[in-house]
Amino acid sequence: MPHYATQQSLGCDLSVLGICYGKQILNKELGGTVERKDVRDGQFEIQVETECPLFKGLETRQMVLLTNGDSVDKVAEGLRCVAKSSRHID
């Protein structure tokens, strides 16, 4: 699921959106953890924060396609998770 990085955590004046492997690398580099899950692919329901500009106007629940089994386990300080699955797979 997407994560936003704050300007303070990256030391720049830009917000950064991490999706899929980019999110996992960003999270790991900033001190979070990533783990491999048993589920490798398929369609899953996620819950999004509709207050986030990225999801403005969308329904809270969305169906998405998962194409890898790696998942953020612990979100790094300075990052904000704006969507997640009920199975904690992202």
PDB file of N, CA and C in Angstrom:
ATOM      1  N   MET A   1       0.830  -1.160   0.000  1.00  0.00           N
ATOM      2  CA  MET A   1       0.000   0.000   0.000  1.00  0.00           C
ATOM      3  C   MET A   1       0.882   1.233   0.000  1.00  0.00           C
ATOM      4  N   PRO A   2       0.351   2.327  -0.423  1.00  0.00           N
ATOM      5  CA  PRO A   2       1.176   3.532  -0.508  1.00  0.00           C
ATOM      6  C   PRO A   2       1.627   4.061   0.842  1.00  0.00           C
ATOM      7  N   HIS A   3       2.779   4.657   0.868  1.00  0.00           N
ATOM      8  CA  HIS A   3       3.300   5.360   2.024  1.00  0.00           C
ATOM      9  C   HIS A   3       3.785   6.729   1.572  1.00  0.00           C
ATOM     10  N   TYR A   4       3.542   7.724   2.391  1.00  0.00           N
ATOM     11  CA  TYR A   4       4.096   9.049   2.145  1.00  0.00           C
ATOM     12  C   TYR A   4       5.295   9.237   3.052  1.00  0.00           C
ATOM     13  N   ALA A   5       6.329   9.849   2.546  1.00  0.00           N
ATOM     14  CA  ALA A   5       7.485  10.228   3.358  1.00  0.00           C
ATOM     15  C   ALA A   5       7.393  11.727   3.623  1.00  0.00           C
ATOM     16  N   THR A   6       7.697  12.116   4.827  1.00  0.00           N
ATOM     17  CA  THR A   6       7.681  13.540   5.140  1.00  0.00           C
ATOM     18  C   THR A   6       8.981  14.191   4.686  1.00  0.00           C
ATOM     19  N   GLN A   7       8.951  15.504   4.532  1.00  0.00           N
ATOM     20  CA  GLN A   7      10.153  16.221   4.131  1.00  0.00           C
ATOM     21  C   GLN A   7      11.260  16.039   5.158  1.00  0.00           C
ATOM     22  N   GLN A   8      10.914  16.007   6.437  1.00  0.00           N
ATOM     23  CA  GLN A   8      11.938  15.879   7.472  1.00  0.00           C
ATOM     24  C   GLN A   8      12.657  14.532   7.379  1.00  0.00           C
ATOM     25  N   SER A   9      11.945  13.471   7.071  1.00  0.00           N
ATOM     26  CA  SER A   9      12.578  12.156   7.039  1.00  0.00           C
ATOM     27  C   SER A   9      13.540  11.999   5.860  1.00  0.00           C
ATOM     28  N   LEU A  10      13.314  12.741   4.784  1.00  0.00           N
ATOM     29  CA  LEU A  10      14.176  12.625   3.610  1.00  0.00           C
ATOM     30  C   LEU A  10      15.169  13.774   3.475  1.00  0.00           C
ATOM     31  N   GLY A  11      15.002  14.809   4.285  1.00  0.00           N
ATOM     32  CA  GLY A  11      15.919  15.940   4.224  1.00  0.00           C
ATOM     33  C   GLY A  11      15.787  16.759   2.960  1.00  0.00           C
ATOM     34  N   CYS A  12      14.572  16.832   2.399  1.00  0.00           N
ATOM     35  CA  CYS A  12      14.353  17.630   1.196  1.00  0.00           C
ATOM     36  C   CYS A  12      13.005  18.334   1.305  1.00  0.00           C
ATOM     37  N   ASP A  13      12.690  19.155   0.327  1.00  0.00           N
ATOM     38  CA  ASP A  13      11.448  19.913   0.350  1.00  0.00           C
ATOM     39  C   ASP A  13      10.340  19.270  -0.467  1.00  0.00           C
ATOM     40  N   LEU A  14      10.434  17.986  -0.726  1.00  0.00           N
ATOM     41  CA  LEU A  14       9.444  17.294  -1.532  1.00  0.00           C
ATOM     42  C   LEU A  14       8.781  16.165  -0.749  1.00  0.00           C
ATOM     43  N   SER A  15       7.492  15.950  -0.984  1.00  0.00           N
ATOM     44  CA  SER A  15       6.833  14.754  -0.465  1.00  0.00           C
ATOM     45  C   SER A  15       7.097  13.635  -1.458  1.00  0.00           C
ATOM     46  N   VAL A  16       7.231  12.408  -0.967  1.00  0.00           N
ATOM     47  CA  VAL A  16       7.536  11.270  -1.827  1.00  0.00           C
ATOM     48  C   VAL A  16       6.483  10.201  -1.607  1.00  0.00           C
ATOM     49  N   LEU A  17       5.965   9.654  -2.699  1.00  0.00           N
ATOM     50  CA  LEU A  17       4.990   8.579  -2.638  1.00  0.00           C
ATOM     51  C   LEU A  17       5.687   7.278  -2.998  1.00  0.00           C
ATOM     52  N   GLY A  18       5.608   6.277  -2.117  1.00  0.00           N
ATOM     53  CA  GLY A  18       6.208   4.982  -2.397  1.00  0.00           C
ATOM     54  C   GLY A  18       5.134   3.946  -2.675  1.00  0.00           C
ATOM     55  N   ILE A  19       5.247   3.245  -3.791  1.00  0.00           N
ATOM     56  CA  ILE A  19       4.299   2.202  -4.172  1.00  0.00           C
ATOM     57  C   ILE A  19       5.090   0.941  -4.495  1.00  0.00           C
ATOM     58  N   CYS A  20       4.596  -0.205  -4.065  1.00  0.00           N
ATOM     59  CA  CYS A  20       5.168  -1.512  -4.357  1.00  0.00           C
ATOM     60  C   CYS A  20       6.628  -1.587  -3.877  1.00  0.00           C
ATOM     61  N   TYR A  21       7.564  -1.968  -4.735  1.00  0.00           N
ATOM     62  CA  TYR A  21       8.946  -2.133  -4.288  1.00  0.00           C
ATOM     63  C   TYR A  21       9.574  -0.808  -3.874  1.00  0.00           C
ATOM     64  N   GLY A  22       9.184   0.289  -4.514  1.00  0.00           N
ATOM     65  CA  GLY A  22       9.691   1.604  -4.123  1.00  0.00           C
ATOM     66  C   GLY A  22       9.319   1.932  -2.688  1.00  0.00           C
ATOM     67  N   LYS A  23       8.117   1.584  -2.288  1.00  0.00           N
ATOM     68  CA  LYS A  23       7.659   1.788  -0.913  1.00  0.00           C
ATOM     69  C   LYS A  23       8.470   0.930   0.049  1.00  0.00           C
ATOM     70  N   GLN A  24       8.715  -0.301  -0.339  1.00  0.00           N
ATOM     71  CA  GLN A  24       9.457  -1.208   0.537  1.00  0.00           C
ATOM     72  C   GLN A  24      10.901  -0.752   0.708  1.00  0.00           C
ATOM     73  N   ILE A  25      11.541  -0.314  -0.357  1.00  0.00           N
ATOM     74  CA  ILE A  25      12.916   0.180  -0.269  1.00  0.00           C
ATOM     75  C   ILE A  25      12.969   1.446   0.581  1.00  0.00           C
ATOM     76  N   LEU A  26      12.063   2.383   0.318  1.00  0.00           N
ATOM     77  CA  LEU A  26      11.997   3.627   1.081  1.00  0.00           C
ATOM     78  C   LEU A  26      11.812   3.325   2.565  1.00  0.00           C
ATOM     79  N   ASN A  27      10.885   2.432   2.872  1.00  0.00           N
ATOM     80  CA  ASN A  27      10.613   2.063   4.261  1.00  0.00           C
ATOM     81  C   ASN A  27      11.849   1.443   4.922  1.00  0.00           C
ATOM     82  N   LYS A  28      12.491   0.504   4.240  1.00  0.00           N
ATOM     83  CA  LYS A  28      13.666  -0.168   4.812  1.00  0.00           C
ATOM     84  C   LYS A  28      14.829   0.805   5.021  1.00  0.00           C
ATOM     85  N   GLU A  29      15.068   1.682   4.048  1.00  0.00           N
ATOM     86  CA  GLU A  29      16.161   2.651   4.155  1.00  0.00           C
ATOM     87  C   GLU A  29      15.954   3.631   5.313  1.00  0.00           C
ATOM     88  N   LEU A  30      14.701   3.874   5.680  1.00  0.00           N
ATOM     89  CA  LEU A  30      14.405   4.813   6.762  1.00  0.00           C
ATOM     90  C   LEU A  30      14.213   4.119   8.111  1.00  0.00           C
ATOM     91  N   GLY A  31      14.519   2.819   8.187  1.00  0.00           N
ATOM     92  CA  GLY A  31      14.498   2.111   9.462  1.00  0.00           C
ATOM     93  C   GLY A  31      13.323   1.196   9.707  1.00  0.00           C
ATOM     94  N   GLY A  32      12.437   1.041   8.739  1.00  0.00           N
ATOM     95  CA  GLY A  32      11.320   0.108   8.876  1.00  0.00           C
ATOM     96  C   GLY A  32      11.747  -1.290   8.480  1.00  0.00           C
ATOM     97  N   THR A  33      10.818  -2.224   8.511  1.00  0.00           N
ATOM     98  CA  THR A  33      11.126  -3.601   8.133  1.00  0.00           C
ATOM     99  C   THR A  33      10.161  -4.093   7.055  1.00  0.00           C
ATOM    100  N   VAL A  34      10.653  -5.049   6.256  1.00  0.00           N
ATOM    101  CA  VAL A  34       9.879  -5.682   5.196  1.00  0.00           C
ATOM    102  C   VAL A  34       9.999  -7.179   5.405  1.00  0.00           C
ATOM    103  N   GLU A  35       8.884  -7.897   5.230  1.00  0.00           N
ATOM    104  CA  GLU A  35       8.945  -9.357   5.381  1.00  0.00           C
ATOM    105  C   GLU A  35       8.257 -10.027   4.205  1.00  0.00           C
ATOM    106  N   ARG A  36       8.660 -11.273   3.943  1.00  0.00           N
ATOM    107  CA  ARG A  36       8.053 -12.066   2.875  1.00  0.00           C
ATOM    108  C   ARG A  36       6.849 -12.811   3.453  1.00  0.00           C
ATOM    109  N   LYS A  37       5.725 -12.719   2.750  1.00  0.00           N
ATOM    110  CA  LYS A  37       4.493 -13.406   3.152  1.00  0.00           C
ATOM    111  C   LYS A  37       4.318 -14.659   2.304  1.00  0.00           C
ATOM    112  N   ASP A  38       3.468 -15.577   2.784  1.00  0.00           N
ATOM    113  CA  ASP A  38       3.192 -16.800   2.034  1.00  0.00           C
ATOM    114  C   ASP A  38       2.346 -16.539   0.798  1.00  0.00           C
ATOM    115  N   VAL A  39       1.466 -15.539   0.874  1.00  0.00           N
ATOM    116  CA  VAL A  39       0.606 -15.198  -0.252  1.00  0.00           C
ATOM    117  C   VAL A  39       1.445 -14.458  -1.283  1.00  0.00           C
ATOM    118  N   ARG A  40       1.436 -14.925  -2.530  1.00  0.00           N
ATOM    119  CA  ARG A  40       2.294 -14.333  -3.553  1.00  0.00           C
ATOM    120  C   ARG A  40       1.541 -13.418  -4.507  1.00  0.00           C
ATOM    121  N   ASP A  41       0.313 -13.745  -4.861  1.00  0.00           N
ATOM    122  CA  ASP A  41      -0.435 -12.885  -5.770  1.00  0.00           C
ATOM    123  C   ASP A  41      -1.922 -13.152  -5.650  1.00  0.00           C
ATOM    124  N   GLY A  42      -2.698 -12.268  -6.237  1.00  0.00           N
ATOM    125  CA  GLY A  42      -4.141 -12.392  -6.212  1.00  0.00           C
ATOM    126  C   GLY A  42      -4.802 -11.043  -6.008  1.00  0.00           C
ATOM    127  N   GLN A  43      -6.116 -11.066  -5.961  1.00  0.00           N
ATOM    128  CA  GLN A  43      -6.886  -9.850  -5.771  1.00  0.00           C
ATOM    129  C   GLN A  43      -7.288  -9.730  -4.304  1.00  0.00           C
ATOM    130  N   PHE A  44      -7.118  -8.528  -3.732  1.00  0.00           N
ATOM    131  CA  PHE A  44      -7.397  -8.299  -2.325  1.00  0.00           C
ATOM    132  C   PHE A  44      -8.142  -6.997  -2.135  1.00  0.00           C
ATOM    133  N   GLU A  45      -8.897  -6.932  -1.058  1.00  0.00           N
ATOM    134  CA  GLU A  45      -9.567  -5.689  -0.701  1.00  0.00           C
ATOM    135  C   GLU A  45      -8.666  -4.900   0.237  1.00  0.00           C
ATOM    136  N   ILE A  46      -8.550  -3.602  -0.025  1.00  0.00           N
ATOM    137  CA  ILE A  46      -7.787  -2.722   0.855  1.00  0.00           C
ATOM    138  C   ILE A  46      -8.710  -1.625   1.372  1.00  0.00           C
ATOM    139  N   GLN A  47      -8.273  -1.016   2.452  1.00  0.00           N
ATOM    140  CA  GLN A  47      -8.986   0.117   3.015  1.00  0.00           C
ATOM    141  C   GLN A  47      -8.070   1.331   2.876  1.00  0.00           C
ATOM    142  N   VAL A  48      -8.594   2.414   2.282  1.00  0.00           N
ATOM    143  CA  VAL A  48      -7.787   3.605   2.047  1.00  0.00           C
ATOM    144  C   VAL A  48      -8.272   4.755   2.930  1.00  0.00           C
ATOM    145  N   GLU A  49      -7.349   5.653   3.249  1.00  0.00           N
ATOM    146  CA  GLU A  49      -7.691   6.870   3.984  1.00  0.00           C
ATOM    147  C   GLU A  49      -8.155   7.904   2.965  1.00  0.00           C
ATOM    148  N   THR A  50      -9.451   8.123   2.911  1.00  0.00           N
ATOM    149  CA  THR A  50      -9.991   9.032   1.904  1.00  0.00           C
ATOM    150  C   THR A  50      -9.671  10.496   2.204  1.00  0.00           C
ATOM    151  N   GLU A  51      -9.110  10.788   3.392  1.00  0.00           N
ATOM    152  CA  GLU A  51      -8.647  12.148   3.685  1.00  0.00           C
ATOM    153  C   GLU A  51      -7.356  12.444   2.926  1.00  0.00           C
ATOM    154  N   CYS A  52      -6.654  11.411   2.514  1.00  0.00           N
ATOM    155  CA  CYS A  52      -5.420  11.566   1.740  1.00  0.00           C
ATOM    156  C   CYS A  52      -5.787  12.063   0.343  1.00  0.00           C
ATOM    157  N   PRO A  53      -5.134  13.123  -0.144  1.00  0.00           N
ATOM    158  CA  PRO A  53      -5.448  13.641  -1.486  1.00  0.00           C
ATOM    159  C   PRO A  53      -5.375  12.588  -2.594  1.00  0.00           C
ATOM    160  N   LEU A  54      -4.540  11.584  -2.432  1.00  0.00           N
ATOM    161  CA  LEU A  54      -4.401  10.523  -3.424  1.00  0.00           C
ATOM    162  C   LEU A  54      -5.711   9.754  -3.617  1.00  0.00           C
ATOM    163  N   PHE A  55      -6.505   9.625  -2.551  1.00  0.00           N
ATOM    164  CA  PHE A  55      -7.730   8.832  -2.600  1.00  0.00           C
ATOM    165  C   PHE A  55      -8.995   9.669  -2.508  1.00  0.00           C
ATOM    166  N   LYS A  56      -8.873  10.976  -2.625  1.00  0.00           N
ATOM    167  CA  LYS A  56     -10.025  11.876  -2.522  1.00  0.00           C
ATOM    168  C   LYS A  56     -11.092  11.484  -3.541  1.00  0.00           C
ATOM    169  N   GLY A  57     -12.324  11.352  -3.062  1.00  0.00           N
ATOM    170  CA  GLY A  57     -13.440  11.016  -3.931  1.00  0.00           C
ATOM    171  C   GLY A  57     -13.644   9.529  -4.163  1.00  0.00           C
ATOM    172  N   LEU A  58     -12.760   8.686  -3.632  1.00  0.00           N
ATOM    173  CA  LEU A  58     -12.910   7.232  -3.795  1.00  0.00           C
ATOM    174  C   LEU A  58     -13.631   6.629  -2.604  1.00  0.00           C
ATOM    175  N   GLU A  59     -14.146   5.433  -2.799  1.00  0.00           N
ATOM    176  CA  GLU A  59     -14.725   4.666  -1.702  1.00  0.00           C
ATOM    177  C   GLU A  59     -13.610   4.214  -0.761  1.00  0.00           C
ATOM    178  N   THR A  60     -13.936   4.017   0.504  1.00  0.00           N
ATOM    179  CA  THR A  60     -12.953   3.589   1.495  1.00  0.00           C
ATOM    180  C   THR A  60     -12.369   2.224   1.160  1.00  0.00           C
ATOM    181  N   ARG A  61     -13.183   1.333   0.627  1.00  0.00           N
ATOM    182  CA  ARG A  61     -12.719  -0.016   0.279  1.00  0.00           C
ATOM    183  C   ARG A  61     -12.480  -0.104  -1.226  1.00  0.00           C
ATOM    184  N   GLN A  62     -11.312  -0.657  -1.594  1.00  0.00           N
ATOM    185  CA  GLN A  62     -10.921  -0.801  -2.991  1.00  0.00           C
ATOM    186  C   GLN A  62     -10.377  -2.211  -3.234  1.00  0.00           C
ATOM    187  N   MET A  63     -10.615  -2.747  -4.424  1.00  0.00           N
ATOM    188  CA  MET A  63     -10.032  -4.025  -4.809  1.00  0.00           C
ATOM    189  C   MET A  63      -8.745  -3.735  -5.577  1.00  0.00           C
ATOM    190  N   VAL A  64      -7.666  -4.451  -5.224  1.00  0.00           N
ATOM    191  CA  VAL A  64      -6.368  -4.256  -5.866  1.00  0.00           C
ATOM    192  C   VAL A  64      -5.761  -5.606  -6.222  1.00  0.00           C
ATOM    193  N   LEU A  65      -4.793  -5.578  -7.121  1.00  0.00           N
ATOM    194  CA  LEU A  65      -4.077  -6.783  -7.524  1.00  0.00           C
ATOM    195  C   LEU A  65      -2.730  -6.817  -6.826  1.00  0.00           C
ATOM    196  N   LEU A  66      -2.441  -7.888  -6.134  1.00  0.00           N
ATOM    197  CA  LEU A  66      -1.151  -8.093  -5.480  1.00  0.00           C
ATOM    198  C   LEU A  66      -0.290  -8.948  -6.394  1.00  0.00           C
ATOM    199  N   THR A  67       0.930  -8.486  -6.673  1.00  0.00           N
ATOM    200  CA  THR A  67       1.789  -9.229  -7.601  1.00  0.00           C
ATOM    201  C   THR A  67       3.094  -9.696  -6.974  1.00  0.00           C
ATOM    202  N   ASN A  68       3.256  -9.479  -5.672  1.00  0.00           N
ATOM    203  CA  ASN A  68       4.420 -10.038  -4.977  1.00  0.00           C
ATOM    204  C   ASN A  68       4.035 -10.279  -3.533  1.00  0.00           C
ATOM    205  N   GLY A  69       4.801 -11.062  -2.821  1.00  0.00           N
ATOM    206  CA  GLY A  69       4.446 -11.419  -1.461  1.00  0.00           C
ATOM    207  C   GLY A  69       5.212 -10.677  -0.393  1.00  0.00           C
ATOM    208  N   ASP A  70       6.000  -9.667  -0.771  1.00  0.00           N
ATOM    209  CA  ASP A  70       6.729  -8.892   0.223  1.00  0.00           C
ATOM    210  C   ASP A  70       5.811  -7.836   0.815  1.00  0.00           C
ATOM    211  N   SER A  71       5.986  -7.550   2.107  1.00  0.00           N
ATOM    212  CA  SER A  71       5.077  -6.649   2.793  1.00  0.00           C
ATOM    213  C   SER A  71       5.813  -5.838   3.847  1.00  0.00           C
ATOM    214  N   VAL A  72       5.417  -4.581   4.021  1.00  0.00           N
ATOM    215  CA  VAL A  72       5.970  -3.771   5.101  1.00  0.00           C
ATOM    216  C   VAL A  72       5.454  -4.342   6.414  1.00  0.00           C
ATOM    217  N   ASP A  73       6.373  -4.670   7.301  1.00  0.00           N
ATOM    218  CA  ASP A  73       6.022  -5.216   8.615  1.00  0.00           C
ATOM    219  C   ASP A  73       5.929  -4.093   9.648  1.00  0.00           C
ATOM    220  N   LYS A  74       6.957  -3.246   9.692  1.00  0.00           N
ATOM    221  CA  LYS A  74       6.996  -2.102  10.607  1.00  0.00           C
ATOM    222  C   LYS A  74       7.240  -0.857   9.757  1.00  0.00           C
ATOM    223  N   VAL A  75       6.338   0.130   9.883  1.00  0.00           N
ATOM    224  CA  VAL A  75       6.471   1.374   9.120  1.00  0.00           C
ATOM    225  C   VAL A  75       7.543   2.241   9.775  1.00  0.00           C
ATOM    226  N   ALA A  76       8.463   2.745   8.976  1.00  0.00           N
ATOM    227  CA  ALA A  76       9.560   3.587   9.468  1.00  0.00           C
ATOM    228  C   ALA A  76       9.030   4.907  10.011  1.00  0.00           C
ATOM    229  N   GLU A  77       9.751   5.449  10.974  1.00  0.00           N
ATOM    230  CA  GLU A  77       9.415   6.753  11.517  1.00  0.00           C
ATOM    231  C   GLU A  77       9.505   7.791  10.402  1.00  0.00           C
ATOM    232  N   GLY A  78       8.524   8.671  10.335  1.00  0.00           N
ATOM    233  CA  GLY A  78       8.499   9.683   9.290  1.00  0.00           C
ATOM    234  C   GLY A  78       7.663   9.291   8.090  1.00  0.00           C
ATOM    235  N   LEU A  79       7.231   8.027   8.019  1.00  0.00           N
ATOM    236  CA  LEU A  79       6.356   7.590   6.940  1.00  0.00           C
ATOM    237  C   LEU A  79       4.932   7.464   7.455  1.00  0.00           C
ATOM    238  N   ARG A  80       3.989   7.576   6.555  1.00  0.00           N
ATOM    239  CA  ARG A  80       2.581   7.470   6.919  1.00  0.00           C
ATOM    240  C   ARG A  80       1.903   6.494   5.970  1.00  0.00           C
ATOM    241  N   CYS A  81       1.310   5.446   6.494  1.00  0.00           N
ATOM    242  CA  CYS A  81       0.584   4.468   5.688  1.00  0.00           C
ATOM    243  C   CYS A  81      -0.810   5.030   5.405  1.00  0.00           C
ATOM    244  N   VAL A  82      -1.215   5.073   4.124  1.00  0.00           N
ATOM    245  CA  VAL A  82      -2.507   5.635   3.761  1.00  0.00           C
ATOM    246  C   VAL A  82      -3.450   4.592   3.169  1.00  0.00           C
ATOM    247  N   ALA A  83      -3.022   3.322   3.141  1.00  0.00           N
ATOM    248  CA  ALA A  83      -3.870   2.227   2.682  1.00  0.00           C
ATOM    249  C   ALA A  83      -3.317   0.920   3.229  1.00  0.00           C
ATOM    250  N   LYS A  84      -4.215  -0.018   3.546  1.00  0.00           N
ATOM    251  CA  LYS A  84      -3.749  -1.316   4.029  1.00  0.00           C
ATOM    252  C   LYS A  84      -4.812  -2.371   3.788  1.00  0.00           C
ATOM    253  N   SER A  85      -4.357  -3.622   3.751  1.00  0.00           N
ATOM    254  CA  SER A  85      -5.281  -4.737   3.583  1.00  0.00           C
ATOM    255  C   SER A  85      -5.620  -5.319   4.947  1.00  0.00           C
ATOM    256  N   SER A  86      -6.745  -5.982   5.018  1.00  0.00           N
ATOM    257  CA  SER A  86      -7.151  -6.617   6.276  1.00  0.00           C
ATOM    258  C   SER A  86      -6.247  -7.801   6.614  1.00  0.00           C
ATOM    259  N   ARG A  87      -5.564  -8.346   5.603  1.00  0.00           N
ATOM    260  CA  ARG A  87      -4.667  -9.492   5.806  1.00  0.00           C
ATOM    261  C   ARG A  87      -3.243  -9.046   6.045  1.00  0.00           C
ATOM    262  N   HIS A  88      -3.018  -7.739   6.152  1.00  0.00           N
ATOM    263  CA  HIS A  88      -1.690  -7.167   6.381  1.00  0.00           C
ATOM    264  C   HIS A  88      -0.696  -7.575   5.312  1.00  0.00           C
ATOM    265  N   ILE A  89      -1.187  -7.610   4.083  1.00  0.00           N
ATOM    266  CA  ILE A  89      -0.352  -7.907   2.927  1.00  0.00           C
ATOM    267  C   ILE A  89      -0.327  -6.654   2.074  1.00  0.00           C
ATOM    268  N   ASP A  90       0.858  -6.190   1.711  1.00  0.00           N
ATOM    269  CA  ASP A  90       0.934  -5.019   0.837  1.00  0.00           C
ATOM    270  C   ASP A  90       2.150  -5.069  -0.063  1.00  0.00           C
TER     271      ASP A  90
END
